[in-house]
Every structure is written in C-alpha cells, then in structure tokens.
Amino acid sequence: MRIVPRVLSAAIAAALISTPALAAELTGTLKKIKDSGTI
C-alpha cells in the first residue's frame, strides 16, 4: 500500500510539469484580451 501514494504523487507532479509545455501561444482575440487586460 505504500506504492500508491508515490505513484499518485508522481502522476500529479508530471501533470503540473507538462501543463505549461502544452499551452499554445495566444493569437487573435485572446491575445488582444491578454494584452489590454480587459474583455
């Protein structure tokens, strides 16, 4: 039963690390909203 927390911790860490790598660069309307700070 000690393996489960380690596997769960590793899965959460991998998800948090990989999320920024999958984020795409904003374009179009979303970029305009981010740049101006208003919707």
PDB file of N, CA and C in Angstrom:
ATOM      1  N   MET A   1       0.814  -1.208   0.000  1.00  0.00           N
ATOM      2  CA  MET A   1       0.000   0.000   0.000  1.00  0.00           C
ATOM      3  C   MET A   1       0.853   1.266   0.000  1.00  0.00           C
ATOM      4  N   ARG A   2       2.137   1.150   0.211  1.00  0.00           N
ATOM      5  CA  ARG A   2       2.982   2.343   0.212  1.00  0.00           C
ATOM      6  C   ARG A   2       3.286   2.819  -1.199  1.00  0.00           C
ATOM      7  N   ILE A   3       3.053   1.980  -2.188  1.00  0.00           N
ATOM      8  CA  ILE A   3       3.351   2.357  -3.569  1.00  0.00           C
ATOM      9  C   ILE A   3       2.324   3.353  -4.097  1.00  0.00           C
ATOM     10  N   VAL A   4       1.082   3.234  -3.661  1.00  0.00           N
ATOM     11  CA  VAL A   4       0.002   4.074  -4.191  1.00  0.00           C
ATOM     12  C   VAL A   4       0.273   5.564  -3.993  1.00  0.00           C
ATOM     13  N   PRO A   5       0.627   6.039  -2.795  1.00  0.00           N
ATOM     14  CA  PRO A   5       0.899   7.481  -2.655  1.00  0.00           C
ATOM     15  C   PRO A   5       2.056   7.964  -3.525  1.00  0.00           C
ATOM     16  N   ARG A   6       3.061   7.132  -3.708  1.00  0.00           N
ATOM     17  CA  ARG A   6       4.195   7.534  -4.554  1.00  0.00           C
ATOM     18  C   ARG A   6       3.776   7.657  -6.006  1.00  0.00           C
ATOM     19  N   VAL A   7       2.982   6.697  -6.469  1.00  0.00           N
ATOM     20  CA  VAL A   7       2.513   6.740  -7.855  1.00  0.00           C
ATOM     21  C   VAL A   7       1.606   7.943  -8.056  1.00  0.00           C
ATOM     22  N   LEU A   8       0.723   8.188  -7.096  1.00  0.00           N
ATOM     23  CA  LEU A   8      -0.184   9.329  -7.193  1.00  0.00           C
ATOM     24  C   LEU A   8       0.598  10.641  -7.194  1.00  0.00           C
ATOM     25  N   SER A   9       1.581  10.757  -6.325  1.00  0.00           N
ATOM     26  CA  SER A   9       2.411  11.964  -6.279  1.00  0.00           C
ATOM     27  C   SER A   9       3.164  12.167  -7.585  1.00  0.00           C
ATOM     28  N   ALA A  10       3.685  11.102  -8.141  1.00  0.00           N
ATOM     29  CA  ALA A  10       4.412  11.201  -9.404  1.00  0.00           C
ATOM     30  C   ALA A  10       3.478  11.621 -10.535  1.00  0.00           C
ATOM     31  N   ALA A  11       2.259  11.103 -10.539  1.00  0.00           N
ATOM     32  CA  ALA A  11       1.299  11.461 -11.586  1.00  0.00           C
ATOM     33  C   ALA A  11       0.911  12.930 -11.491  1.00  0.00           C
ATOM     34  N   ILE A  12       0.691  13.418 -10.282  1.00  0.00           N
ATOM     35  CA  ILE A  12       0.334  14.829 -10.098  1.00  0.00           C
ATOM     36  C   ILE A  12       1.497  15.725 -10.503  1.00  0.00           C
ATOM     37  N   ALA A  13       2.704  15.368 -10.110  1.00  0.00           N
ATOM     38  CA  ALA A  13       3.878  16.164 -10.468  1.00  0.00           C
ATOM     39  C   ALA A  13       4.067  16.201 -11.981  1.00  0.00           C
ATOM     40  N   ALA A  14       3.887  15.073 -12.638  1.00  0.00           N
ATOM     41  CA  ALA A  14       4.038  15.026 -14.093  1.00  0.00           C
ATOM     42  C   ALA A  14       2.988  15.894 -14.776  1.00  0.00           C
ATOM     43  N   ALA A  15       1.775  15.887 -14.260  1.00  0.00           N
ATOM     44  CA  ALA A  15       0.711  16.702 -14.850  1.00  0.00           C
ATOM     45  C   ALA A  15       1.016  18.189 -14.693  1.00  0.00           C
ATOM     46  N   LEU A  16       1.509  18.587 -13.534  1.00  0.00           N
ATOM     47  CA  LEU A  16       1.808  20.002 -13.297  1.00  0.00           C
ATOM     48  C   LEU A  16       2.995  20.478 -14.125  1.00  0.00           C
ATOM     49  N   ILE A  17       3.971  19.610 -14.319  1.00  0.00           N
ATOM     50  CA  ILE A  17       5.157  19.985 -15.089  1.00  0.00           C
ATOM     51  C   ILE A  17       4.838  20.073 -16.578  1.00  0.00           C
ATOM     52  N   SER A  18       3.992  19.174 -17.071  1.00  0.00           N
ATOM     53  CA  SER A  18       3.730  19.121 -18.508  1.00  0.00           C
ATOM     54  C   SER A  18       2.709  20.154 -18.970  1.00  0.00           C
ATOM     55  N   THR A  19       1.906  20.705 -18.071  1.00  0.00           N
ATOM     56  CA  THR A  19       0.859  21.645 -18.471  1.00  0.00           C
ATOM     57  C   THR A  19       1.406  22.872 -19.205  1.00  0.00           C
ATOM     58  N   PRO A  20       2.443  23.564 -18.706  1.00  0.00           N
ATOM     59  CA  PRO A  20       2.954  24.721 -19.445  1.00  0.00           C
ATOM     60  C   PRO A  20       3.519  24.348 -20.817  1.00  0.00           C
ATOM     61  N   ALA A  21       4.040  23.155 -20.950  1.00  0.00           N
ATOM     62  CA  ALA A  21       4.611  22.733 -22.228  1.00  0.00           C
ATOM     63  C   ALA A  21       3.529  22.564 -23.282  1.00  0.00           C
ATOM     64  N   LEU A  22       2.315  22.263 -22.858  1.00  0.00           N
ATOM     65  CA  LEU A  22       1.220  22.053 -23.801  1.00  0.00           C
ATOM     66  C   LEU A  22       0.478  23.344 -24.133  1.00  0.00           C
ATOM     67  N   ALA A  23       0.710  24.402 -23.382  1.00  0.00           N
ATOM     68  CA  ALA A  23       0.000  25.653 -23.609  1.00  0.00           C
ATOM     69  C   ALA A  23       0.449  26.284 -24.920  1.00  0.00           C
ATOM     70  N   ALA A  24      -0.516  26.650 -25.735  1.00  0.00           N
ATOM     71  CA  ALA A  24      -0.209  27.253 -27.029  1.00  0.00           C
ATOM     72  C   ALA A  24      -0.102  28.769 -26.881  1.00  0.00           C
ATOM     73  N   GLU A  25       0.619  29.389 -27.791  1.00  0.00           N
ATOM     74  CA  GLU A  25       0.747  30.841 -27.789  1.00  0.00           C
ATOM     75  C   GLU A  25      -0.586  31.461 -28.200  1.00  0.00           C
ATOM     76  N   LEU A  26      -0.982  32.514 -27.487  1.00  0.00           N
ATOM     77  CA  LEU A  26      -2.263  33.146 -27.783  1.00  0.00           C
ATOM     78  C   LEU A  26      -2.194  33.925 -29.086  1.00  0.00           C
ATOM     79  N   THR A  27      -3.279  33.861 -29.842  1.00  0.00           N
ATOM     80  CA  THR A  27      -3.374  34.619 -31.086  1.00  0.00           C
ATOM     81  C   THR A  27      -4.761  35.223 -31.186  1.00  0.00           C
ATOM     82  N   GLY A  28      -4.898  36.187 -32.051  1.00  0.00           N
ATOM     83  CA  GLY A  28      -6.204  36.772 -32.334  1.00  0.00           C
ATOM     84  C   GLY A  28      -6.820  37.471 -31.142  1.00  0.00           C
ATOM     85  N   THR A  29      -8.112  37.211 -30.930  1.00  0.00           N
ATOM     86  CA  THR A  29      -8.873  37.888 -29.889  1.00  0.00           C
ATOM     87  C   THR A  29      -8.319  37.611 -28.499  1.00  0.00           C
ATOM     88  N   LEU A  30      -7.919  36.371 -28.229  1.00  0.00           N
ATOM     89  CA  LEU A  30      -7.385  36.056 -26.903  1.00  0.00           C
ATOM     90  C   LEU A  30      -6.116  36.841 -26.608  1.00  0.00           C
ATOM     91  N   LYS A  31      -5.271  37.039 -27.620  1.00  0.00           N
ATOM     92  CA  LYS A  31      -4.049  37.826 -27.426  1.00  0.00           C
ATOM     93  C   LYS A  31      -4.402  39.283 -27.145  1.00  0.00           C
ATOM     94  N   LYS A  32      -5.390  39.810 -27.849  1.00  0.00           N
ATOM     95  CA  LYS A  32      -5.807  41.198 -27.619  1.00  0.00           C
ATOM     96  C   LYS A  32      -6.330  41.381 -26.199  1.00  0.00           C
ATOM     97  N   ILE A  33      -7.119  40.408 -25.720  1.00  0.00           N
ATOM     98  CA  ILE A  33      -7.662  40.489 -24.365  1.00  0.00           C
ATOM     99  C   ILE A  33      -6.536  40.440 -23.341  1.00  0.00           C
ATOM    100  N   LYS A  34      -5.578  39.557 -23.538  1.00  0.00           N
ATOM    101  CA  LYS A  34      -4.460  39.442 -22.598  1.00  0.00           C
ATOM    102  C   LYS A  34      -3.625  40.717 -22.594  1.00  0.00           C
ATOM    103  N   ASP A  35      -3.347  41.264 -23.764  1.00  0.00           N
ATOM    104  CA  ASP A  35      -2.517  42.462 -23.860  1.00  0.00           C
ATOM    105  C   ASP A  35      -3.187  43.674 -23.223  1.00  0.00           C
ATOM    106  N   SER A  36      -4.488  43.834 -23.458  1.00  0.00           N
ATOM    107  CA  SER A  36      -5.188  45.010 -22.949  1.00  0.00           C
ATOM    108  C   SER A  36      -5.608  44.852 -21.494  1.00  0.00           C
ATOM    109  N   GLY A  37      -5.806  43.618 -21.048  1.00  0.00           N
ATOM    110  CA  GLY A  37      -6.226  43.385 -19.672  1.00  0.00           C
ATOM    111  C   GLY A  37      -7.715  43.558 -19.455  1.00  0.00           C
ATOM    112  N   THR A  38      -8.464  43.784 -20.531  1.00  0.00           N
ATOM    113  CA  THR A  38      -9.919  43.926 -20.423  1.00  0.00           C
ATOM    114  C   THR A  38     -10.598  43.038 -21.447  1.00  0.00           C
ATOM    115  N   ILE A  39     -11.850  42.725 -21.142  1.00  0.00           N
ATOM    116  CA  ILE A  39     -12.611  41.881 -22.069  1.00  0.00           C
ATOM    117  C   ILE A  39     -13.540  42.770 -22.880  1.00  0.00           C
TER     118      ILE A  39
END
